[in-house]
């Protein structure tokens, strides 16, 4: 699926092999599917080889595998619907913004996160926090390849005058996956107040 996605993102977009609306649906489907593979791998035992798919969690612009390989399984799923659930603040913070600004503000924030935020986190993990650099480097290398792919797709779309197409697929993919995550978690009710 990743190979087909890459072929469509570069030669496919360049040669306009599909109409724009079909490109949007295609990228939305492949990104969401690849993110599902990444989510599955984020729950697997970590040995640097069998967890090769963690990095695909980033393909839908919402997941962040560089944080997920620690925080997603240990701090979110073990604490779901408690006050200790780290994901709770990810989405409830958005509710503090006036309604009219929520969608544009979160769309821009997520774009900034794709472009810069993960690279800053990557540098801190790789250079400061990791003791086992060989394993960490393999994980971080795969993560950076996916992030570079995401940015390369954006730059390529701009370069080939397909930036509007990229923006629409980015918006549709981002917001569908955000709603998918929010709808599958109860972030406003049912907290364990004893946590």
N, C-alpha and C. Protein backbone atom coordinates (compact mmCIF):
# COMPACT_ATOMS: atom_id res chain seq x y z
N UNK A 1 0.83 -1.19 0.00
CA UNK A 1 0.00 0.00 0.00
C UNK A 1 0.87 1.25 0.00
N UNK A 2 1.97 1.22 0.76
CA UNK A 2 2.87 2.38 0.81
C UNK A 2 3.51 2.65 -0.56
N UNK A 3 3.92 1.60 -1.24
CA UNK A 3 4.54 1.77 -2.56
C UNK A 3 3.54 2.37 -3.55
N UNK A 4 2.31 1.89 -3.54
CA UNK A 4 1.28 2.43 -4.43
C UNK A 4 1.01 3.89 -4.07
N UNK A 5 0.95 4.18 -2.79
CA UNK A 5 0.73 5.56 -2.35
C UNK A 5 1.84 6.48 -2.87
N UNK A 6 3.09 6.05 -2.74
CA UNK A 6 4.22 6.87 -3.20
C UNK A 6 4.18 7.04 -4.71
N UNK A 7 3.86 5.98 -5.43
CA UNK A 7 3.77 6.08 -6.90
C UNK A 7 2.68 7.07 -7.31
N UNK A 8 1.58 7.07 -6.60
CA UNK A 8 0.50 8.01 -6.94
C UNK A 8 0.84 9.43 -6.49
N UNK A 9 1.57 9.58 -5.38
CA UNK A 9 1.88 10.91 -4.86
C UNK A 9 2.89 11.66 -5.73
N UNK A 10 3.73 10.93 -6.44
CA UNK A 10 4.74 11.61 -7.25
C UNK A 10 4.47 11.46 -8.76
N UNK A 11 4.74 10.30 -9.39
CA UNK A 11 4.43 10.23 -10.83
C UNK A 11 2.93 10.37 -11.12
N UNK A 12 2.09 9.83 -10.25
CA UNK A 12 0.65 9.91 -10.47
C UNK A 12 0.14 11.34 -10.48
N UNK A 13 0.58 12.14 -9.52
CA UNK A 13 0.19 13.54 -9.46
C UNK A 13 0.81 14.32 -10.62
N UNK A 14 2.05 14.04 -10.91
CA UNK A 14 2.74 14.76 -11.99
C UNK A 14 2.04 14.56 -13.33
N UNK A 15 1.65 13.31 -13.62
CA UNK A 15 1.01 13.01 -14.90
C UNK A 15 -0.52 13.08 -14.84
N UNK A 16 -1.08 13.45 -13.71
CA UNK A 16 -2.53 13.60 -13.55
C UNK A 16 -3.27 12.35 -14.02
N UNK A 17 -2.92 11.19 -13.46
CA UNK A 17 -3.52 9.93 -13.89
C UNK A 17 -4.95 9.76 -13.39
N UNK A 18 -5.35 10.57 -12.40
CA UNK A 18 -6.71 10.52 -11.87
C UNK A 18 -7.26 11.94 -11.81
N UNK A 19 -8.57 12.09 -11.84
CA UNK A 19 -9.13 13.42 -11.57
C UNK A 19 -8.85 13.83 -10.12
N UNK A 20 -8.83 15.10 -9.86
CA UNK A 20 -8.47 15.59 -8.52
C UNK A 20 -9.34 15.01 -7.41
N UNK A 21 -10.65 14.91 -7.63
CA UNK A 21 -11.53 14.40 -6.58
C UNK A 21 -11.20 12.95 -6.25
N UNK A 22 -10.78 12.18 -7.26
CA UNK A 22 -10.41 10.79 -7.03
C UNK A 22 -9.06 10.68 -6.33
N UNK A 23 -8.15 11.62 -6.65
CA UNK A 23 -6.88 11.69 -5.93
C UNK A 23 -7.13 11.92 -4.44
N UNK A 24 -8.03 12.84 -4.14
CA UNK A 24 -8.34 13.15 -2.73
C UNK A 24 -8.85 11.89 -2.03
N UNK A 25 -9.78 11.19 -2.63
CA UNK A 25 -10.29 9.95 -2.04
C UNK A 25 -9.20 8.88 -1.91
N UNK A 26 -8.36 8.78 -2.92
CA UNK A 26 -7.28 7.80 -2.90
C UNK A 26 -6.31 8.07 -1.75
N UNK A 27 -5.85 9.32 -1.64
CA UNK A 27 -4.89 9.66 -0.58
C UNK A 27 -5.53 9.54 0.79
N UNK A 28 -6.77 9.94 0.91
CA UNK A 28 -7.48 9.78 2.17
C UNK A 28 -7.52 8.31 2.58
N UNK A 29 -7.84 7.42 1.63
CA UNK A 29 -7.94 5.99 1.94
C UNK A 29 -6.58 5.37 2.25
N UNK A 30 -5.57 5.68 1.44
CA UNK A 30 -4.25 5.07 1.70
C UNK A 30 -3.63 5.61 2.98
N UNK A 31 -3.77 6.89 3.25
CA UNK A 31 -3.20 7.45 4.48
C UNK A 31 -3.89 6.87 5.72
N UNK A 32 -5.20 6.76 5.68
CA UNK A 32 -5.92 6.21 6.83
C UNK A 32 -5.58 4.73 7.00
N UNK A 33 -5.49 3.99 5.92
CA UNK A 33 -5.11 2.58 6.00
C UNK A 33 -3.70 2.38 6.52
N UNK A 34 -2.76 3.18 6.03
CA UNK A 34 -1.38 3.08 6.50
C UNK A 34 -1.27 3.48 7.96
N UNK A 35 -2.04 4.47 8.38
CA UNK A 35 -2.04 4.86 9.80
C UNK A 35 -2.58 3.74 10.67
N UNK A 36 -3.55 2.99 10.17
CA UNK A 36 -4.08 1.85 10.92
C UNK A 36 -3.00 0.78 11.11
N UNK A 37 -2.19 0.55 10.08
CA UNK A 37 -1.06 -0.38 10.21
C UNK A 37 -0.10 0.14 11.28
N UNK A 38 0.19 1.44 11.24
CA UNK A 38 1.08 2.03 12.24
C UNK A 38 0.53 1.93 13.64
N UNK A 39 -0.79 2.12 13.79
CA UNK A 39 -1.41 2.01 15.11
C UNK A 39 -1.29 0.58 15.64
N UNK A 40 -1.53 -0.38 14.76
CA UNK A 40 -1.37 -1.78 15.15
C UNK A 40 0.06 -2.05 15.61
N UNK A 41 1.03 -1.56 14.86
CA UNK A 41 2.43 -1.80 15.22
C UNK A 41 2.85 -1.06 16.48
N UNK A 42 2.19 0.05 16.79
CA UNK A 42 2.55 0.77 18.02
C UNK A 42 2.21 -0.04 19.26
N UNK A 43 1.36 -1.06 19.12
CA UNK A 43 0.99 -1.91 20.25
C UNK A 43 1.80 -3.20 20.31
N UNK A 44 2.67 -3.41 19.37
CA UNK A 44 3.47 -4.63 19.35
C UNK A 44 4.70 -4.50 20.22
N UNK A 45 5.26 -5.65 20.58
CA UNK A 45 6.50 -5.67 21.35
C UNK A 45 7.59 -4.98 20.54
N UNK A 46 8.41 -4.19 21.19
CA UNK A 46 9.42 -3.40 20.50
C UNK A 46 10.77 -4.12 20.51
N UNK A 47 11.24 -4.47 19.31
CA UNK A 47 12.57 -5.04 19.20
C UNK A 47 13.35 -4.42 18.04
N UNK A 48 12.77 -3.42 17.39
CA UNK A 48 13.44 -2.74 16.30
C UNK A 48 13.23 -3.40 14.95
N UNK A 49 12.69 -4.61 14.92
CA UNK A 49 12.48 -5.32 13.65
C UNK A 49 11.00 -5.60 13.40
N UNK A 50 10.34 -6.28 14.33
CA UNK A 50 8.93 -6.63 14.12
C UNK A 50 8.01 -5.43 14.28
N UNK A 51 8.50 -4.35 14.85
CA UNK A 51 7.69 -3.14 15.00
C UNK A 51 8.01 -2.14 13.89
N UNK A 52 8.39 -2.63 12.72
CA UNK A 52 8.79 -1.79 11.61
C UNK A 52 7.71 -0.81 11.16
N UNK A 53 6.46 -1.10 11.43
CA UNK A 53 5.37 -0.28 10.92
C UNK A 53 4.96 0.89 11.80
N UNK A 54 5.59 1.08 12.95
CA UNK A 54 5.23 2.20 13.84
C UNK A 54 5.20 3.53 13.10
N UNK A 55 6.18 3.74 12.26
CA UNK A 55 6.32 5.03 11.58
C UNK A 55 5.14 5.36 10.67
N UNK A 56 4.40 4.35 10.23
CA UNK A 56 3.24 4.59 9.36
C UNK A 56 2.09 5.26 10.10
N UNK A 57 2.15 5.27 11.42
CA UNK A 57 1.14 5.94 12.24
C UNK A 57 1.03 7.42 11.87
N UNK A 58 2.10 8.00 11.34
CA UNK A 58 2.14 9.42 11.02
C UNK A 58 1.47 9.78 9.69
N UNK A 59 1.13 8.80 8.88
CA UNK A 59 0.68 9.08 7.52
C UNK A 59 -0.61 9.89 7.44
N UNK A 60 -1.44 9.87 8.47
CA UNK A 60 -2.71 10.60 8.41
C UNK A 60 -2.63 11.96 9.08
N UNK A 61 -1.42 12.45 9.38
CA UNK A 61 -1.16 13.78 9.92
C UNK A 61 -1.59 13.96 11.37
N UNK A 62 -2.17 12.97 12.01
CA UNK A 62 -2.62 13.10 13.40
C UNK A 62 -1.69 12.34 14.32
N UNK A 63 -1.44 11.08 14.02
CA UNK A 63 -0.59 10.25 14.87
C UNK A 63 0.84 10.73 14.86
N UNK A 64 1.54 10.45 15.93
CA UNK A 64 2.94 10.83 16.04
C UNK A 64 3.70 9.65 16.62
N UNK A 65 4.24 8.81 15.75
CA UNK A 65 4.85 7.58 16.24
C UNK A 65 6.08 7.84 17.08
N UNK A 66 6.74 8.98 16.89
CA UNK A 66 7.94 9.27 17.67
C UNK A 66 7.62 9.40 19.15
N UNK A 67 6.38 9.77 19.45
CA UNK A 67 5.92 9.84 20.83
C UNK A 67 5.12 8.59 21.16
N UNK A 68 4.43 8.06 20.17
CA UNK A 68 3.50 6.95 20.40
C UNK A 68 4.18 5.68 20.87
N UNK A 69 5.42 5.45 20.48
CA UNK A 69 6.01 4.17 20.87
C UNK A 69 6.23 4.10 22.37
N UNK A 70 6.16 5.20 23.07
CA UNK A 70 6.15 5.17 24.54
C UNK A 70 4.78 5.56 25.07
N UNK A 71 4.32 6.73 24.67
CA UNK A 71 3.12 7.29 25.27
C UNK A 71 1.82 6.66 24.87
N UNK A 72 1.70 6.20 23.63
CA UNK A 72 0.41 5.71 23.16
C UNK A 72 -0.02 4.45 23.90
N UNK A 73 0.85 3.48 23.94
CA UNK A 73 0.49 2.22 24.60
C UNK A 73 0.53 2.30 26.11
N UNK A 74 1.55 2.95 26.66
CA UNK A 74 1.73 2.94 28.12
C UNK A 74 0.93 4.01 28.84
N UNK A 75 0.79 5.17 28.23
CA UNK A 75 0.16 6.27 28.96
C UNK A 75 -1.27 6.54 28.50
N UNK A 76 -1.62 6.15 27.28
CA UNK A 76 -2.99 6.38 26.84
C UNK A 76 -3.86 5.14 27.06
N UNK A 77 -3.52 4.02 26.46
CA UNK A 77 -4.40 2.85 26.54
C UNK A 77 -4.50 2.28 27.95
N UNK A 78 -3.46 2.37 28.73
CA UNK A 78 -3.56 1.85 30.10
C UNK A 78 -4.33 2.81 31.01
N UNK A 79 -4.51 4.04 30.59
CA UNK A 79 -5.17 5.06 31.43
C UNK A 79 -6.42 5.64 30.77
N UNK A 80 -6.95 5.00 29.75
CA UNK A 80 -8.09 5.56 29.02
C UNK A 80 -9.23 5.94 29.95
N UNK A 81 -9.77 7.15 29.72
CA UNK A 81 -10.88 7.71 30.50
C UNK A 81 -10.55 7.95 31.95
N UNK A 82 -9.29 8.08 32.27
CA UNK A 82 -8.92 8.51 33.62
C UNK A 82 -8.29 9.90 33.51
N UNK A 83 -8.07 10.53 34.62
CA UNK A 83 -7.44 11.85 34.59
C UNK A 83 -6.00 11.77 34.12
N UNK A 84 -5.41 10.58 34.15
CA UNK A 84 -4.02 10.40 33.72
C UNK A 84 -3.89 10.16 32.22
N UNK A 85 -4.99 10.05 31.50
CA UNK A 85 -4.96 9.79 30.06
C UNK A 85 -4.41 11.02 29.34
N UNK A 86 -3.23 10.88 28.73
CA UNK A 86 -2.59 12.02 28.07
C UNK A 86 -3.36 12.51 26.84
N UNK A 87 -4.11 11.64 26.23
CA UNK A 87 -4.85 12.04 25.04
C UNK A 87 -6.02 12.95 25.36
N UNK A 88 -6.46 12.92 26.61
CA UNK A 88 -7.60 13.73 27.00
C UNK A 88 -7.33 15.21 26.73
N UNK A 89 -6.16 15.68 27.06
CA UNK A 89 -5.86 17.11 26.87
C UNK A 89 -5.56 17.45 25.43
N UNK A 90 -5.22 16.47 24.61
CA UNK A 90 -4.94 16.74 23.20
C UNK A 90 -6.17 17.31 22.51
N UNK A 91 -7.34 16.78 22.84
CA UNK A 91 -8.56 17.21 22.17
C UNK A 91 -9.38 18.19 22.99
N UNK A 92 -9.39 18.07 24.30
CA UNK A 92 -10.18 19.01 25.09
C UNK A 92 -9.58 20.40 25.07
N UNK A 93 -8.27 20.54 24.82
CA UNK A 93 -7.66 21.86 24.70
C UNK A 93 -8.24 22.62 23.51
N UNK A 94 -8.63 21.90 22.49
CA UNK A 94 -9.22 22.52 21.32
C UNK A 94 -10.54 23.21 21.66
N UNK A 95 -11.24 22.70 22.67
CA UNK A 95 -12.53 23.27 23.04
C UNK A 95 -12.39 24.65 23.69
N UNK A 96 -11.19 25.01 24.13
CA UNK A 96 -10.98 26.33 24.72
C UNK A 96 -10.93 27.44 23.67
N UNK A 97 -10.72 27.07 22.42
CA UNK A 97 -10.67 28.04 21.33
C UNK A 97 -12.10 28.37 20.90
N UNK A 98 -12.42 29.63 20.59
CA UNK A 98 -13.77 29.95 20.10
C UNK A 98 -14.12 29.09 18.88
N UNK A 99 -15.37 28.68 18.79
CA UNK A 99 -15.80 27.73 17.75
C UNK A 99 -15.41 28.14 16.34
N UNK A 100 -15.53 29.39 16.04
CA UNK A 100 -15.26 29.85 14.68
C UNK A 100 -13.80 29.64 14.28
N UNK A 101 -12.90 29.57 15.26
CA UNK A 101 -11.46 29.44 14.98
C UNK A 101 -10.94 28.01 15.16
N UNK A 102 -11.75 27.10 15.65
CA UNK A 102 -11.24 25.75 15.98
C UNK A 102 -10.69 25.02 14.77
N UNK A 103 -11.44 24.96 13.70
CA UNK A 103 -10.99 24.19 12.54
C UNK A 103 -9.75 24.83 11.90
N UNK A 104 -9.76 26.13 11.59
CA UNK A 104 -8.54 26.69 10.99
C UNK A 104 -7.33 26.63 11.93
N UNK A 105 -7.54 26.89 13.23
CA UNK A 105 -6.42 26.88 14.17
C UNK A 105 -5.81 25.49 14.30
N UNK A 106 -6.64 24.47 14.42
CA UNK A 106 -6.13 23.11 14.56
C UNK A 106 -5.51 22.62 13.25
N UNK A 107 -6.06 23.01 12.12
CA UNK A 107 -5.50 22.62 10.82
C UNK A 107 -4.10 23.20 10.67
N UNK A 108 -3.93 24.46 11.01
CA UNK A 108 -2.62 25.11 10.90
C UNK A 108 -1.65 24.53 11.93
N UNK A 109 -2.13 24.30 13.15
CA UNK A 109 -1.26 23.74 14.19
C UNK A 109 -0.74 22.37 13.78
N UNK A 110 -1.62 21.54 13.25
CA UNK A 110 -1.20 20.20 12.81
C UNK A 110 -0.21 20.28 11.65
N UNK A 111 -0.40 21.25 10.75
CA UNK A 111 0.55 21.42 9.66
C UNK A 111 1.92 21.80 10.20
N UNK A 112 1.94 22.73 11.15
CA UNK A 112 3.22 23.10 11.78
C UNK A 112 3.87 21.93 12.49
N UNK A 113 3.04 21.09 13.08
CA UNK A 113 3.55 19.91 13.77
C UNK A 113 4.18 18.95 12.78
N UNK A 114 3.56 18.79 11.61
CA UNK A 114 4.12 17.91 10.57
C UNK A 114 5.46 18.46 10.09
N UNK A 115 5.52 19.77 9.87
CA UNK A 115 6.70 20.38 9.26
C UNK A 115 7.87 20.55 10.24
N UNK A 116 7.58 20.98 11.48
CA UNK A 116 8.70 21.30 12.38
C UNK A 116 8.68 20.56 13.71
N UNK A 117 7.50 20.43 14.31
CA UNK A 117 7.43 19.93 15.68
C UNK A 117 8.04 18.57 15.88
N UNK A 118 7.82 17.65 14.98
CA UNK A 118 8.35 16.31 15.13
C UNK A 118 9.86 16.29 14.95
N UNK A 119 10.40 17.15 14.08
CA UNK A 119 11.84 17.20 13.90
C UNK A 119 12.53 17.70 15.16
N UNK A 120 11.91 18.64 15.85
CA UNK A 120 12.47 19.13 17.11
C UNK A 120 12.43 18.03 18.16
N UNK A 121 11.32 17.32 18.25
CA UNK A 121 11.19 16.21 19.19
C UNK A 121 12.18 15.10 18.85
N UNK A 122 12.36 14.83 17.58
CA UNK A 122 13.29 13.81 17.13
C UNK A 122 14.71 14.14 17.60
N UNK A 123 15.12 15.40 17.42
CA UNK A 123 16.46 15.79 17.83
C UNK A 123 16.65 15.61 19.33
N UNK A 124 15.63 15.96 20.12
CA UNK A 124 15.77 15.81 21.58
C UNK A 124 15.82 14.35 21.98
N UNK A 125 15.02 13.50 21.33
CA UNK A 125 15.05 12.07 21.64
C UNK A 125 16.37 11.43 21.26
N UNK A 126 16.84 11.74 20.08
CA UNK A 126 18.03 11.08 19.56
C UNK A 126 19.30 11.59 20.25
N UNK A 127 19.38 12.88 20.50
CA UNK A 127 20.61 13.46 21.02
C UNK A 127 20.68 13.55 22.53
N UNK A 128 19.54 13.59 23.21
CA UNK A 128 19.56 13.84 24.64
C UNK A 128 19.05 12.67 25.46
N UNK A 129 17.90 12.11 25.09
CA UNK A 129 17.20 11.23 25.99
C UNK A 129 17.50 9.74 25.84
N UNK A 130 18.02 9.30 24.70
CA UNK A 130 18.17 7.88 24.46
C UNK A 130 19.51 7.34 24.91
N UNK A 131 19.46 6.21 25.60
CA UNK A 131 20.68 5.54 26.01
C UNK A 131 21.08 4.48 24.99
N UNK A 132 20.13 3.76 24.45
CA UNK A 132 20.40 2.72 23.47
C UNK A 132 20.30 3.34 22.08
N UNK A 133 21.40 3.94 21.64
CA UNK A 133 21.36 4.72 20.40
C UNK A 133 21.18 3.86 19.15
N UNK A 134 21.64 2.63 19.14
CA UNK A 134 21.50 1.82 17.93
C UNK A 134 20.03 1.51 17.67
N UNK A 135 19.29 1.09 18.70
CA UNK A 135 17.86 0.83 18.54
C UNK A 135 17.11 2.13 18.29
N UNK A 136 17.47 3.15 19.02
CA UNK A 136 16.80 4.44 18.86
C UNK A 136 17.02 4.99 17.46
N UNK A 137 18.22 4.82 16.94
CA UNK A 137 18.50 5.35 15.61
C UNK A 137 17.63 4.67 14.56
N UNK A 138 17.47 3.35 14.66
CA UNK A 138 16.64 2.62 13.69
C UNK A 138 15.20 3.12 13.73
N UNK A 139 14.66 3.27 14.94
CA UNK A 139 13.29 3.78 15.09
C UNK A 139 13.19 5.20 14.53
N UNK A 140 14.14 6.05 14.93
CA UNK A 140 14.10 7.45 14.51
C UNK A 140 14.34 7.59 13.01
N UNK A 141 15.18 6.74 12.43
CA UNK A 141 15.45 6.79 11.00
C UNK A 141 14.18 6.52 10.21
N UNK A 142 13.44 5.49 10.60
CA UNK A 142 12.18 5.18 9.91
C UNK A 142 11.18 6.32 10.08
N UNK A 143 11.13 6.88 11.28
CA UNK A 143 10.22 8.00 11.54
C UNK A 143 10.56 9.18 10.64
N UNK A 144 11.82 9.50 10.53
CA UNK A 144 12.23 10.63 9.71
C UNK A 144 11.96 10.38 8.23
N UNK A 145 12.09 9.13 7.77
CA UNK A 145 11.77 8.84 6.38
C UNK A 145 10.31 9.16 6.07
N UNK A 146 9.41 8.78 6.98
CA UNK A 146 7.99 9.07 6.77
C UNK A 146 7.74 10.57 6.82
N UNK A 147 8.35 11.26 7.78
CA UNK A 147 8.17 12.71 7.87
C UNK A 147 8.71 13.41 6.64
N UNK A 148 9.85 12.96 6.15
CA UNK A 148 10.42 13.55 4.93
C UNK A 148 9.49 13.27 3.75
N UNK A 149 8.90 12.07 3.70
CA UNK A 149 7.93 11.75 2.65
C UNK A 149 6.74 12.71 2.71
N UNK A 150 6.20 12.96 3.90
CA UNK A 150 5.05 13.87 4.04
C UNK A 150 5.39 15.27 3.52
N UNK A 151 6.56 15.75 3.88
CA UNK A 151 6.98 17.09 3.45
C UNK A 151 7.29 17.09 1.96
N UNK A 152 7.93 16.03 1.47
CA UNK A 152 8.25 15.94 0.04
C UNK A 152 6.98 15.95 -0.80
N UNK A 153 5.94 15.26 -0.34
CA UNK A 153 4.67 15.26 -1.07
C UNK A 153 4.11 16.67 -1.16
N UNK A 154 4.17 17.41 -0.06
CA UNK A 154 3.67 18.79 -0.04
C UNK A 154 4.47 19.68 -0.98
N UNK A 155 5.79 19.60 -0.89
CA UNK A 155 6.66 20.43 -1.74
C UNK A 155 6.48 20.06 -3.21
N UNK A 156 6.39 18.77 -3.50
CA UNK A 156 6.20 18.32 -4.87
C UNK A 156 4.87 18.82 -5.44
N UNK A 157 3.83 18.76 -4.63
CA UNK A 157 2.52 19.26 -5.08
C UNK A 157 2.59 20.75 -5.38
N UNK A 158 3.28 21.51 -4.54
CA UNK A 158 3.43 22.94 -4.78
C UNK A 158 4.25 23.18 -6.05
N UNK A 159 5.32 22.43 -6.21
CA UNK A 159 6.21 22.59 -7.37
C UNK A 159 5.50 22.27 -8.68
N UNK A 160 4.59 21.31 -8.66
CA UNK A 160 3.88 20.89 -9.88
C UNK A 160 2.52 21.57 -10.03
N UNK A 161 2.30 22.63 -9.28
CA UNK A 161 1.04 23.38 -9.32
C UNK A 161 -0.18 22.54 -8.92
N UNK A 162 0.03 21.63 -7.99
CA UNK A 162 -1.05 20.80 -7.45
C UNK A 162 -1.24 21.05 -5.96
N UNK A 163 -0.86 22.23 -5.49
CA UNK A 163 -0.92 22.51 -4.07
C UNK A 163 -2.35 22.52 -3.55
N UNK A 164 -3.28 22.98 -4.36
CA UNK A 164 -4.70 22.96 -3.97
C UNK A 164 -5.17 21.53 -3.71
N UNK A 165 -4.78 20.62 -4.59
CA UNK A 165 -5.10 19.20 -4.41
C UNK A 165 -4.52 18.69 -3.10
N UNK A 166 -3.25 19.03 -2.84
CA UNK A 166 -2.61 18.59 -1.61
C UNK A 166 -3.36 19.14 -0.38
N UNK A 167 -3.72 20.41 -0.42
CA UNK A 167 -4.42 21.03 0.71
C UNK A 167 -5.76 20.36 0.98
N UNK A 168 -6.51 20.05 -0.08
CA UNK A 168 -7.81 19.40 0.12
C UNK A 168 -7.64 18.02 0.71
N UNK A 169 -6.70 17.22 0.18
CA UNK A 169 -6.51 15.88 0.73
C UNK A 169 -5.97 15.95 2.16
N UNK A 170 -5.13 16.95 2.45
CA UNK A 170 -4.62 17.14 3.81
C UNK A 170 -5.78 17.42 4.77
N UNK A 171 -6.64 18.35 4.39
CA UNK A 171 -7.77 18.74 5.24
C UNK A 171 -8.72 17.56 5.46
N UNK A 172 -9.10 16.87 4.38
CA UNK A 172 -10.04 15.75 4.49
C UNK A 172 -9.44 14.63 5.35
N UNK A 173 -8.18 14.28 5.08
CA UNK A 173 -7.53 13.21 5.82
C UNK A 173 -7.37 13.57 7.29
N UNK A 174 -6.89 14.77 7.55
CA UNK A 174 -6.67 15.22 8.93
C UNK A 174 -7.96 15.21 9.73
N UNK A 175 -9.01 15.82 9.21
CA UNK A 175 -10.23 15.95 9.98
C UNK A 175 -11.02 14.66 10.09
N UNK A 176 -11.00 13.83 9.06
CA UNK A 176 -11.64 12.52 9.20
C UNK A 176 -10.96 11.72 10.31
N UNK A 177 -9.64 11.71 10.30
CA UNK A 177 -8.91 10.93 11.31
C UNK A 177 -9.02 11.53 12.70
N UNK A 178 -9.07 12.85 12.81
CA UNK A 178 -9.32 13.47 14.11
C UNK A 178 -10.69 13.05 14.65
N UNK A 179 -11.72 13.12 13.80
CA UNK A 179 -13.06 12.72 14.24
C UNK A 179 -13.12 11.23 14.54
N UNK A 180 -12.40 10.43 13.79
CA UNK A 180 -12.34 9.00 14.04
C UNK A 180 -11.77 8.72 15.43
N UNK A 181 -10.71 9.43 15.78
CA UNK A 181 -10.09 9.25 17.09
C UNK A 181 -11.01 9.75 18.20
N UNK A 182 -11.57 10.95 18.01
CA UNK A 182 -12.43 11.52 19.05
C UNK A 182 -13.68 10.65 19.25
N UNK A 183 -14.24 10.13 18.17
CA UNK A 183 -15.46 9.33 18.30
C UNK A 183 -15.21 7.97 18.94
N UNK A 184 -13.99 7.51 18.92
CA UNK A 184 -13.69 6.21 19.51
C UNK A 184 -13.20 6.31 20.96
N UNK A 185 -13.16 7.51 21.50
CA UNK A 185 -12.74 7.73 22.89
C UNK A 185 -13.74 8.66 23.56
N UNK A 186 -14.01 8.41 24.80
CA UNK A 186 -14.90 9.28 25.56
C UNK A 186 -14.05 10.27 26.34
N UNK A 187 -13.83 11.46 25.77
CA UNK A 187 -12.93 12.42 26.38
C UNK A 187 -13.62 13.35 27.36
N UNK A 188 -14.95 13.38 27.37
CA UNK A 188 -15.63 14.33 28.22
C UNK A 188 -16.36 13.70 29.39
N UNK A 189 -16.60 12.39 29.34
CA UNK A 189 -17.34 11.74 30.41
C UNK A 189 -16.63 10.48 30.86
N UNK A 190 -16.97 10.05 32.04
CA UNK A 190 -16.51 8.77 32.52
C UNK A 190 -15.10 8.75 33.07
N UNK A 191 -14.56 9.88 33.48
CA UNK A 191 -13.21 9.88 34.04
C UNK A 191 -13.20 9.25 35.41
N UNK A 192 -12.15 8.55 35.66
CA UNK A 192 -11.93 7.97 36.98
C UNK A 192 -11.33 9.07 37.85
N UNK A 193 -12.11 9.65 38.73
CA UNK A 193 -11.64 10.78 39.53
C UNK A 193 -10.68 10.36 40.61
N UNK A 194 -10.49 9.05 40.83
CA UNK A 194 -9.54 8.60 41.84
C UNK A 194 -8.13 8.49 41.29
N UNK A 195 -7.94 8.64 39.98
CA UNK A 195 -6.61 8.49 39.37
C UNK A 195 -5.73 9.67 39.67
